[in-house]
Protein backbone atom coordinates (compact mmCIF):
# COMPACT_ATOMS: atom_id res chain seq x y z
CA MET A 1 3.04 40.41 3.32
CA ALA A 2 1.31 37.05 3.08
CA GLN A 3 2.51 34.51 0.56
CA VAL A 4 0.52 31.59 -0.84
CA LEU A 5 2.36 28.27 -0.64
CA GLU A 6 1.36 25.04 -2.31
CA PHE A 7 1.41 21.88 -0.16
CA LYS A 8 1.75 18.73 -2.25
CA LEU A 9 0.93 15.14 -1.33
CA PRO A 10 4.20 13.96 0.26
CA ASP A 11 6.00 10.66 -0.17
CA LEU A 12 4.20 8.36 2.27
CA GLY A 13 7.00 5.79 2.30
CA GLU A 14 7.13 2.05 1.57
CA GLY A 15 7.06 2.59 -2.20
CA LEU A 16 3.57 4.11 -2.20
CA THR A 17 2.92 6.34 -5.20
CA GLU A 18 -0.68 7.46 -4.72
CA ALA A 19 -3.40 7.88 -2.14
CA GLU A 20 -7.16 8.39 -2.03
CA ILE A 21 -8.66 11.35 -0.21
CA VAL A 22 -10.95 9.90 2.45
CA ARG A 23 -11.86 12.99 4.48
CA TRP A 24 -10.84 16.61 4.49
CA LEU A 25 -10.10 17.88 8.00
CA VAL A 26 -10.07 21.57 7.05
CA GLU A 27 -12.19 23.89 4.91
CA VAL A 28 -11.14 26.77 2.67
CA GLY A 29 -10.77 29.78 4.95
CA ASP A 30 -9.73 27.77 8.01
CA VAL A 31 -6.64 28.80 9.92
CA VAL A 32 -4.17 25.92 10.29
CA ALA A 33 -1.12 25.55 12.49
CA ILE A 34 2.21 24.06 11.47
CA ASP A 35 2.01 20.24 11.42
CA GLN A 36 -1.77 20.25 11.89
CA PRO A 37 -3.43 17.28 10.09
CA VAL A 38 -5.40 18.64 7.15
CA VAL A 39 -6.56 15.55 5.27
CA GLU A 40 -7.04 11.84 5.88
CA VAL A 41 -5.91 9.66 2.97
CA GLU A 42 -6.04 5.94 2.31
CA THR A 43 -3.04 4.33 0.70
CA ALA A 44 -2.76 0.75 -0.46
CA LYS A 45 -1.50 -0.08 3.03
CA ALA A 46 -3.10 2.14 5.65
CA MET A 47 -5.12 5.20 6.59
CA VAL A 48 -2.86 8.20 7.14
CA GLU A 49 -3.50 11.70 8.47
CA VAL A 50 -1.33 14.12 6.50
CA PRO A 51 -0.03 17.15 8.44
CA CYS A 52 0.54 20.48 6.70
CA PRO A 53 4.06 21.89 7.18
CA TYR A 54 2.84 25.48 6.92
CA GLY A 55 0.78 27.63 9.22
CA GLY A 56 -1.72 30.10 7.79
CA VAL A 57 -5.09 30.32 6.05
CA VAL A 58 -6.27 27.60 3.66
CA THR A 59 -6.99 29.26 0.32
CA ALA A 60 -7.75 26.22 -1.87
CA ARG A 61 -8.18 22.44 -1.74
CA PHE A 62 -7.54 20.09 -4.64
CA GLY A 63 -9.53 16.89 -4.99
CA GLU A 64 -12.88 15.82 -3.62
CA GLU A 65 -13.29 12.99 -1.12
CA GLY A 66 -12.86 9.74 -3.00
CA THR A 67 -10.36 11.22 -5.48
CA GLU A 68 -7.03 9.44 -5.98
CA LEU A 69 -3.95 11.67 -6.18
CA PRO A 70 -0.37 10.75 -7.11
CA VAL A 71 2.52 11.66 -4.84
CA GLY A 72 3.59 15.19 -5.72
CA ALA A 73 0.13 16.42 -6.72
CA PRO A 74 -1.10 19.58 -4.94
CA LEU A 75 -3.29 18.99 -1.88
CA LEU A 76 -4.00 22.56 -0.83
CA THR A 77 -2.63 26.08 -0.77
CA VAL A 78 -1.98 28.10 2.37
CA ALA A 79 -1.55 31.84 2.74
CA VAL A 80 1.26 32.20 5.28
CA GLY A 81 1.97 35.29 7.31
CA PRO A 82 5.29 36.80 8.46
CA ARG A 83 8.49 35.40 7.05
CA SER A 84 11.54 34.21 8.96
CA SER A 85 14.65 36.32 9.29
CA ASP A 86 16.14 34.91 6.07
CA GLY A 87 13.06 35.91 4.10
CA GLU A 88 11.61 32.42 3.69
CA PRO A 89 8.27 31.25 5.09
CA GLU A 90 8.67 29.12 8.17
CA GLY A 91 8.06 25.38 7.79
CA SER A 92 8.27 22.38 10.06
CA GLY A 93 10.99 20.32 8.36
CA ASN A 94 10.42 16.71 7.36
CA VAL A 95 6.73 15.93 7.74
CA LEU A 96 6.70 12.46 6.19
CA VAL A 97 9.17 10.27 4.38
CA GLY A 98 10.98 12.19 1.66
CA TYR A 99 9.15 15.46 2.27
CA GLY A 100 10.77 18.51 3.82
CA THR A 101 9.85 22.16 4.21
CA GLY A 102 12.97 23.61 5.72
CA ALA A 103 13.80 25.55 2.55
CA PRO A 104 10.80 25.84 0.25
CA PRO A 105 11.57 26.91 -3.32
CA ALA A 106 10.58 30.32 -4.55
CA ARG A 107 7.19 30.53 -6.22
CA ARG A 108 7.42 30.77 -9.99
CA ARG A 109 4.76 31.46 -12.60
CA ARG A 110 4.20 28.29 -14.58
CA VAL A 111 4.03 29.21 -18.25
CA ARG A 112 1.47 26.96 -19.87
CA PRO A 113 1.47 26.40 -23.64
CA THR A 114 -1.48 27.71 -25.60
CA MET A 115 -4.47 25.39 -25.70
CA PRO A 116 -6.24 24.74 -29.01
CA GLY A 117 -8.88 27.40 -29.54
CA ARG A 118 -7.64 29.47 -26.62
CA SER A 119 -5.36 32.46 -26.34
CA ALA A 120 -2.20 32.48 -24.31
CA PRO A 121 -2.61 32.85 -20.53
CA GLY A 122 -3.20 36.41 -19.50
CA PRO A 123 -4.60 38.37 -16.59
CA ALA A 124 -7.88 36.52 -16.88
CA ASP A 125 -6.06 33.34 -15.77
CA ASP A 126 -4.84 34.96 -12.58
CA GLY A 127 -6.58 34.86 -9.24
CA ALA A 128 -8.23 37.95 -7.80
CA ASP A 129 -4.89 38.99 -6.30
CA GLY A 130 -2.91 38.44 -9.49
CA ARG A 131 -1.46 35.01 -8.60
CA ILE A 132 -1.52 32.10 -10.98
CA ALA A 133 -3.93 29.44 -9.70
CA PRO A 134 -2.43 25.91 -9.54
CA ALA A 135 -2.99 23.93 -12.73
CA VAL A 136 -3.91 20.66 -11.04
CA GLY A 137 -7.63 20.34 -10.53
CA ARG A 138 -8.65 22.39 -13.58
CA GLY A 139 -9.21 19.32 -15.73
CA PRO A 140 -9.40 20.38 -19.42
CA GLN A 141 -7.28 23.48 -18.82
CA ARG A 142 -4.16 21.36 -18.19
CA ASN A 143 -1.86 20.98 -21.20
CA ASN A 144 0.07 17.97 -22.48
CA ALA A 145 0.81 16.34 -25.78
CA THR A 146 -1.63 13.78 -27.14
CA ALA A 147 -1.66 10.03 -26.93
CA ALA A 148 -0.63 8.98 -30.43
CA THR A 149 2.72 9.80 -32.02
CA ALA A 150 1.18 11.47 -35.07
CA VAL A 151 -1.15 13.58 -32.97
CA ALA A 152 1.73 14.36 -30.59
CA ALA A 153 3.83 15.66 -33.48
CA ASP A 154 0.99 17.94 -34.56
CA THR A 155 0.57 19.12 -30.97
CA ALA A 156 4.28 19.82 -30.72
CA ARG A 157 4.06 22.08 -33.77
CA THR A 158 0.93 23.94 -32.70
CA GLU A 159 1.44 24.10 -28.95
CA GLY A 160 5.18 24.37 -28.58
CA VAL A 161 5.70 21.01 -26.91
CA VAL A 162 9.23 19.73 -27.40
CA ALA A 163 9.75 15.94 -27.53
CA ARG A 164 12.38 14.48 -25.23
CA PRO A 165 15.59 13.05 -26.74
CA ASP A 166 16.43 9.40 -26.32
CA GLY A 167 17.03 8.43 -22.70
CA PRO A 168 15.07 7.72 -19.50
CA VAL A 169 11.74 9.50 -19.20
CA PRO A 170 11.09 10.90 -15.70
CA VAL A 171 7.82 9.33 -14.51
CA ILE A 172 6.43 9.57 -10.97
CA SER A 173 5.61 5.86 -10.66
CA PRO A 174 5.54 2.54 -12.53
CA LEU A 175 1.73 2.77 -12.49
CA VAL A 176 1.89 5.84 -14.69
CA ARG A 177 4.29 4.13 -17.08
CA ARG A 178 2.00 1.11 -17.31
CA LEU A 179 -1.07 3.30 -17.94
CA ALA A 180 0.74 4.95 -20.83
CA ARG A 181 1.95 1.65 -22.26
CA GLU A 182 -1.49 0.02 -22.12
CA ASN A 183 -2.98 2.91 -24.07
CA GLY A 184 -0.23 3.21 -26.68
CA LEU A 185 1.01 6.54 -25.34
CA ASP A 186 4.61 7.62 -26.06
CA LEU A 187 5.84 9.26 -22.86
CA ARG A 188 8.59 11.06 -24.80
CA GLU A 189 5.92 13.21 -26.41
CA LEU A 190 4.61 14.52 -23.07
CA THR A 191 5.62 17.52 -21.02
CA GLY A 192 5.34 16.70 -17.35
CA SER A 193 3.78 19.19 -14.95
CA GLY A 194 5.72 17.88 -11.96
CA PRO A 195 9.04 19.17 -10.62
CA ASP A 196 11.75 19.25 -13.33
CA GLY A 197 9.28 17.98 -15.91
CA LEU A 198 8.27 14.88 -13.94
CA ILE A 199 5.33 13.18 -15.66
CA LEU A 200 2.37 12.69 -13.31
CA ARG A 201 -0.62 10.43 -13.78
CA ALA A 202 -2.80 13.46 -14.41
CA ASP A 203 -0.55 14.35 -17.36
CA VAL A 204 -1.06 10.92 -18.93
CA GLU A 205 -4.82 11.02 -18.33
CA TYR A 206 -5.14 14.43 -19.95
CA ALA A 207 -3.12 13.26 -22.96
CA LEU A 208 -5.45 10.29 -23.36
CA ARG A 209 -8.53 12.52 -23.19
CA ALA A 210 -7.00 14.92 -25.71
CA ALA A 211 -6.24 12.06 -28.10
CA ALA A 212 -9.83 10.85 -27.85
CA GLN A 213 -11.26 14.28 -28.59
CA ARG A 214 -9.10 15.27 -31.58
CA PRO A 215 -10.31 12.63 -34.08
CA LEU A 216 -13.92 13.46 -33.21
CA ALA A 217 -13.35 17.11 -33.99
CA ALA A 218 -11.81 16.31 -37.42
CA ALA A 219 -14.08 13.55 -38.71
CA PRO A 220 -16.23 10.70 -37.44
CA ALA A 221 -14.05 7.82 -36.27
CA PRO A 222 -14.39 4.67 -34.21
CA ALA A 223 -14.68 5.31 -30.48
CA PRO A 224 -11.24 5.34 -28.79
CA ALA A 225 -10.25 2.66 -26.35
CA PRO A 226 -11.51 3.56 -22.86
CA ASP A 227 -9.12 4.65 -20.15
CA ALA A 228 -7.90 1.56 -18.31
CA ARG A 229 -8.93 3.15 -15.01
CA VAL A 230 -12.53 3.91 -16.00
CA THR A 231 -15.06 1.35 -14.83
CA ALA A 232 -17.39 0.11 -17.58
CA PRO A 233 -21.08 0.75 -17.01
CA ALA A 234 -22.81 -2.07 -15.19
CA ALA A 235 -25.19 -4.22 -17.19
CA LEU A 236 -28.63 -5.05 -15.88
CA GLY A 237 -28.29 -7.17 -12.75
CA GLU A 238 -24.59 -6.33 -12.29
CA THR A 239 -22.81 -4.43 -9.54
CA ARG A 240 -19.28 -3.24 -10.27
CA ILE A 241 -16.97 -2.58 -7.35
CA PRO A 242 -13.68 -0.75 -8.07
CA LEU A 243 -10.53 -2.58 -6.99
CA LYS A 244 -8.78 0.27 -5.23
CA GLY A 245 -7.33 1.12 -1.86
CA ILE A 246 -6.58 -1.87 0.35
CA ARG A 247 -8.74 -4.24 -1.69
CA GLY A 248 -6.92 -3.26 -4.86
CA ALA A 249 -3.52 -3.62 -3.20
CA VAL A 250 -4.45 -7.08 -1.90
CA ALA A 251 -5.63 -8.11 -5.37
CA ASP A 252 -2.37 -6.97 -6.94
CA LYS A 253 -0.26 -8.67 -4.30
CA LEU A 254 -2.10 -11.99 -4.48
CA SER A 255 -1.95 -11.98 -8.27
CA ARG A 256 1.77 -11.30 -8.17
CA SER A 257 2.27 -14.08 -5.62
CA ARG A 258 0.46 -16.61 -7.78
CA HIS A 259 2.28 -15.41 -10.89
CA GLU A 260 5.81 -15.46 -9.42
CA ILE A 261 5.87 -18.08 -6.66
CA PRO A 262 5.73 -21.83 -7.39
CA ASP A 263 3.93 -22.69 -4.17
CA ALA A 264 3.06 -26.04 -2.65
CA THR A 265 1.03 -26.97 0.42
CA CYS A 266 1.29 -29.76 2.98
CA TRP A 267 -0.93 -30.28 6.01
CA VAL A 268 -1.43 -32.45 9.07
CA ASP A 269 -4.13 -33.04 11.70
CA VAL A 270 -2.84 -32.41 15.21
CA ASP A 271 -4.06 -33.14 18.73
CA ALA A 272 -4.00 -29.71 20.40
CA THR A 273 -5.41 -30.89 23.75
CA GLU A 274 -2.12 -30.47 25.65
CA LEU A 275 -1.47 -27.03 24.19
CA MET A 276 -4.92 -25.89 25.33
CA ARG A 277 -4.25 -27.29 28.80
CA ALA A 278 -0.86 -25.58 28.96
CA ARG A 279 -2.45 -22.24 28.05
CA ALA A 280 -5.16 -22.71 30.68
CA ALA A 281 -2.48 -23.45 33.29
CA MET A 282 -0.51 -20.32 32.35
CA ASN A 283 -3.57 -18.10 32.65
CA ALA A 284 -4.61 -19.74 35.95
CA ALA A 285 -1.20 -18.89 37.40
CA GLY A 286 -1.98 -15.17 37.33
CA GLY A 287 -0.46 -12.28 35.48
CA SER A 288 -1.29 -11.21 31.94
CA ARG A 289 -3.42 -13.62 29.99
CA ILE A 290 -1.69 -15.49 27.18
CA SER A 291 -3.44 -15.75 23.82
CA LEU A 292 -3.48 -18.88 21.72
CA ILE A 293 -2.03 -17.08 18.71
CA ALA A 294 0.89 -15.92 20.87
CA LEU A 295 1.71 -19.54 21.73
CA LEU A 296 1.46 -20.53 18.07
CA ALA A 297 3.72 -17.61 17.18
CA ARG A 298 6.26 -18.78 19.77
CA ILE A 299 6.16 -22.24 18.21
CA CYS A 300 6.63 -20.74 14.72
CA THR A 301 9.73 -18.77 15.71
CA ALA A 302 11.25 -21.87 17.31
CA ALA A 303 10.54 -23.87 14.15
CA LEU A 304 12.04 -21.17 11.92
CA ALA A 305 15.22 -21.27 14.00
CA ARG A 306 15.49 -24.96 13.06
CA PHE A 307 14.41 -24.48 9.44
CA PRO A 308 15.68 -21.03 8.39
CA GLU A 309 15.06 -21.80 4.71
CA LEU A 310 11.42 -20.85 5.27
CA ASN A 311 12.29 -17.47 6.82
CA SER A 312 13.51 -16.03 3.54
CA THR A 313 12.68 -14.41 0.23
CA VAL A 314 13.80 -14.90 -3.35
CA ASP A 315 15.73 -12.14 -5.09
CA THR A 316 14.67 -12.89 -8.65
CA ALA A 317 16.99 -10.29 -10.20
CA ALA A 318 20.08 -11.73 -8.51
CA ARG A 319 18.74 -15.32 -8.60
CA GLU A 320 19.48 -15.69 -4.90
CA VAL A 321 17.59 -16.88 -1.83
CA VAL A 322 17.92 -14.32 0.96
CA GLN A 323 17.60 -15.79 4.47
CA PHE A 324 16.88 -13.52 7.44
CA ASP A 325 18.40 -13.71 10.91
CA HIS A 326 15.29 -12.13 12.41
CA VAL A 327 11.60 -13.04 12.33
CA HIS A 328 9.15 -10.27 11.55
CA LEU A 329 5.95 -12.25 11.94
CA GLY A 330 2.91 -11.17 9.96
CA PHE A 331 -0.59 -12.32 10.85
CA ALA A 332 -3.73 -12.09 8.77
CA ALA A 333 -6.43 -9.80 10.17
CA GLN A 334 -9.85 -9.31 8.58
CA THR A 335 -11.22 -5.77 8.92
CA GLU A 336 -14.14 -3.80 7.52
CA ARG A 337 -11.71 -2.27 5.01
CA GLY A 338 -10.44 -5.67 3.86
CA LEU A 339 -7.68 -8.14 4.67
CA VAL A 340 -4.53 -6.68 6.20
CA VAL A 341 -1.37 -8.32 7.50
CA PRO A 342 0.13 -6.44 10.48
CA VAL A 343 3.71 -7.36 11.36
CA VAL A 344 5.09 -8.19 14.80
CA ARG A 345 8.69 -6.97 14.70
CA ASP A 346 11.40 -9.23 16.12
CA ALA A 347 8.92 -11.90 17.12
CA HIS A 348 11.81 -14.31 17.71
CA ALA A 349 13.02 -12.16 20.63
CA ARG A 350 9.63 -11.90 22.38
CA ASP A 351 8.13 -14.14 25.05
CA ALA A 352 4.48 -15.22 25.17
CA GLU A 353 3.36 -12.18 27.20
CA SER A 354 5.07 -9.72 24.87
CA LEU A 355 3.64 -11.47 21.81
CA THR A 356 0.14 -11.41 23.32
CA ALA A 357 0.34 -7.67 23.98
CA GLU A 358 1.68 -6.87 20.52
CA PHE A 359 -0.93 -9.01 18.76
CA ALA A 360 -3.66 -7.22 20.73
CA ARG A 361 -2.26 -3.75 19.94
CA LEU A 362 -1.90 -4.39 16.22
CA THR A 363 -5.31 -6.07 15.97
CA GLU A 364 -7.02 -3.08 17.56
CA ALA A 365 -5.13 -0.69 15.29
CA ALA A 366 -6.21 -2.77 12.29
CA ARG A 367 -9.87 -2.59 13.31
CA THR A 368 -9.77 1.17 13.77
CA GLY A 369 -7.72 1.84 10.63
CA GLY A 370 -4.81 3.16 12.68
CA LEU A 371 -2.04 0.94 11.31
CA THR A 372 0.91 2.78 9.80
CA PRO A 373 2.53 1.65 6.52
CA GLY A 374 5.56 0.49 8.52
CA GLU A 375 3.36 -1.82 10.61
CA LEU A 376 2.03 -3.47 7.46
CA THR A 377 5.30 -4.19 5.68
CA GLY A 378 8.59 -5.98 6.20
CA GLY A 379 7.24 -9.38 7.26
CA THR A 380 9.42 -12.47 6.77
CA PHE A 381 6.83 -15.17 7.61
CA THR A 382 3.04 -15.12 8.08
CA LEU A 383 0.75 -16.90 10.53
CA ASN A 384 -2.83 -17.21 9.27
CA ASN A 385 -5.49 -18.26 11.79
CA TYR A 386 -8.42 -18.92 9.47
CA GLY A 387 -10.02 -21.11 12.13
CA VAL A 388 -11.76 -17.96 13.42
CA PHE A 389 -14.03 -18.27 10.37
CA GLY A 390 -15.15 -21.73 11.47
CA VAL A 391 -13.23 -23.67 8.81
CA ASP A 392 -10.87 -26.60 9.25
CA GLY A 393 -8.41 -26.18 6.40
CA SER A 394 -7.20 -23.92 3.63
CA THR A 395 -4.44 -23.54 1.05
CA PRO A 396 -3.59 -19.85 1.53
CA ILE A 397 -1.67 -17.75 -0.99
CA ILE A 398 1.80 -16.74 0.20
CA ASN A 399 2.17 -13.13 1.28
CA HIS A 400 4.62 -11.98 -1.40
CA PRO A 401 7.62 -11.60 -1.16
CA GLU A 402 7.76 -14.01 1.77
CA ALA A 403 8.49 -17.70 1.27
CA ALA A 404 5.96 -19.44 3.51
CA MET A 405 2.75 -19.18 5.53
CA LEU A 406 1.44 -21.39 8.33
CA GLY A 407 -2.33 -21.81 8.37
CA VAL A 408 -4.30 -22.81 11.47
CA GLY A 409 -7.83 -24.20 11.31
CA ARG A 410 -10.46 -24.30 14.03
CA ILE A 411 -9.81 -26.39 17.14
CA VAL A 412 -12.76 -28.72 17.69
CA PRO A 413 -13.48 -31.90 19.67
CA LYS A 414 -13.03 -34.98 17.48
CA PRO A 415 -12.57 -38.73 17.96
CA TRP A 416 -8.83 -39.43 18.26
CA VAL A 417 -6.70 -42.41 19.15
CA HIS A 418 -4.76 -41.35 22.24
CA GLU A 419 -2.35 -43.74 23.97
CA GLY A 420 -3.97 -46.67 22.19
CA GLU A 421 -7.53 -45.74 23.18
CA LEU A 422 -10.25 -43.94 21.28
CA ALA A 423 -10.93 -40.61 22.99
CA VAL A 424 -12.42 -37.20 22.29
CA ARG A 425 -9.56 -34.74 21.81
CA GLN A 426 -9.15 -31.11 20.69
CA VAL A 427 -8.01 -31.46 17.07
CA VAL A 428 -6.70 -28.82 14.67
CA GLN A 429 -5.49 -28.96 11.10
CA LEU A 430 -2.24 -27.15 10.31
CA SER A 431 -1.19 -26.33 6.75
CA LEU A 432 2.06 -24.96 5.40
CA THR A 433 2.18 -23.24 2.02
CA PHE A 434 5.75 -22.68 0.90
CA ASP A 435 7.81 -21.39 -2.01
CA HIS A 436 9.29 -24.50 -3.62
CA ARG A 437 12.28 -22.46 -4.79
CA VAL A 438 13.61 -21.99 -1.26
CA CYS A 439 13.36 -25.61 -0.14
CA ASP A 440 12.12 -29.07 -1.01
CA GLY A 441 9.31 -31.06 0.55
CA GLY A 442 11.60 -32.62 3.15
CA THR A 443 12.37 -29.25 4.72
CA ALA A 444 8.76 -28.12 4.58
CA GLY A 445 7.59 -31.42 6.09
CA GLY A 446 10.22 -31.18 8.82
CA PHE A 447 9.08 -27.68 9.74
CA LEU A 448 5.42 -28.66 9.85
CA ARG A 449 6.11 -31.81 11.84
CA TYR A 450 8.13 -29.85 14.43
CA VAL A 451 5.25 -27.37 14.80
CA ALA A 452 2.82 -30.28 15.20
CA ASP A 453 5.03 -31.92 17.84
CA CYS A 454 5.14 -28.68 19.84
CA VAL A 455 1.36 -28.35 19.64
CA GLU A 456 0.86 -31.94 20.79
CA GLN A 457 3.60 -31.79 23.43
CA PRO A 458 4.37 -28.19 24.45
CA ALA A 459 7.27 -29.43 26.58
CA VAL A 460 9.19 -29.91 23.32
CA LEU A 461 9.59 -26.12 23.31
CA LEU A 462 11.69 -26.29 26.48
CA ARG A 463 14.62 -27.39 24.35
CA THR A 464 14.74 -23.96 22.71
CA LEU A 465 14.08 -21.81 25.79
């Protein structure tokens, strides 16, 4: 006998708590195989195809394209066929981080409290085959307590909601907690619809809607404060663009960086003529072509070995500077979806050819939206080549929680005094933005000067090879 199983949005790793549905890959009625991708979602870090751990027929989908769902919210339901020998439907095991299907729990009817003006759930709430349809996606039919304490107390009396005792409130993410706090919502008055009473974002949103509707039903009252996530209507001549997905994540990260990190910037103009000649000589010698950013990355790793203070992060809770013995080098890449920072793992252990290949692979993945969350996190230092935009200098914002970023402007012919004579040389401006908590200006200046020396005289690098 077939059984309908609910597949929920799994933990996508790297601290991600929600994702936006970009494109459904299956329709209701489609037959899916175990581990077949069923939906493409966009997190704050990457585009991800989510595989379904069950094989069977898709009976329902939850959420239209463009809808944001929290981790743990239902994605779809699948009617599975024969069971395994132990009586449980067969699953694939761990599909993504923190999500397993080896032993799915037994299906239970979720008893929903009575809604105002509505009788208790009965046969009319069942599907055609007698099953209870999932609550998520029904909108007003979901039940929670209301947003204000007084209203919540009334709801508890009329709807059977029991307030939580003092102690931690189980919430799916800090974003949900913040949404409740900003709207004056007491989480202890809510009943979560997630596993073991876990409060989901949908629970908070429903409570806010319920609180807004109750005063209107009783007597005219001032309009309630709008949901923090609802975009205000655009005035004449305005265009409002939601800060979500990658753009929203970048906005949050840059704001946090500016709020937490006391940054400072120093810069220097450098004669890059010899570096350009060295690269030309390497490529003329045959073999794989070497990119300029690979050479700059090799210089960065050598400089960080001399000045490890800049390859670090600040643990604000412990009030400690944490220095790393490895260099995971991030580099800024502009894509159609926004600014991303792919990370070259163990850049300190790679030669110029290996760095060139890895930069090319990650850049292509960034352009096609194929970067994984793991390829966008864990950096310890960032290289930002803003010269590709035709600008000479910049004071970039540090990629939190890192401690420094090296910026590279465009390389252009300029008048330069070389060996006592005025000559036209290939000049570039280098800038270093650093966290002043990890070092003073002397260390930052020493790092930048070493990088400049290597650019002007690449033979300086031979000392570290």
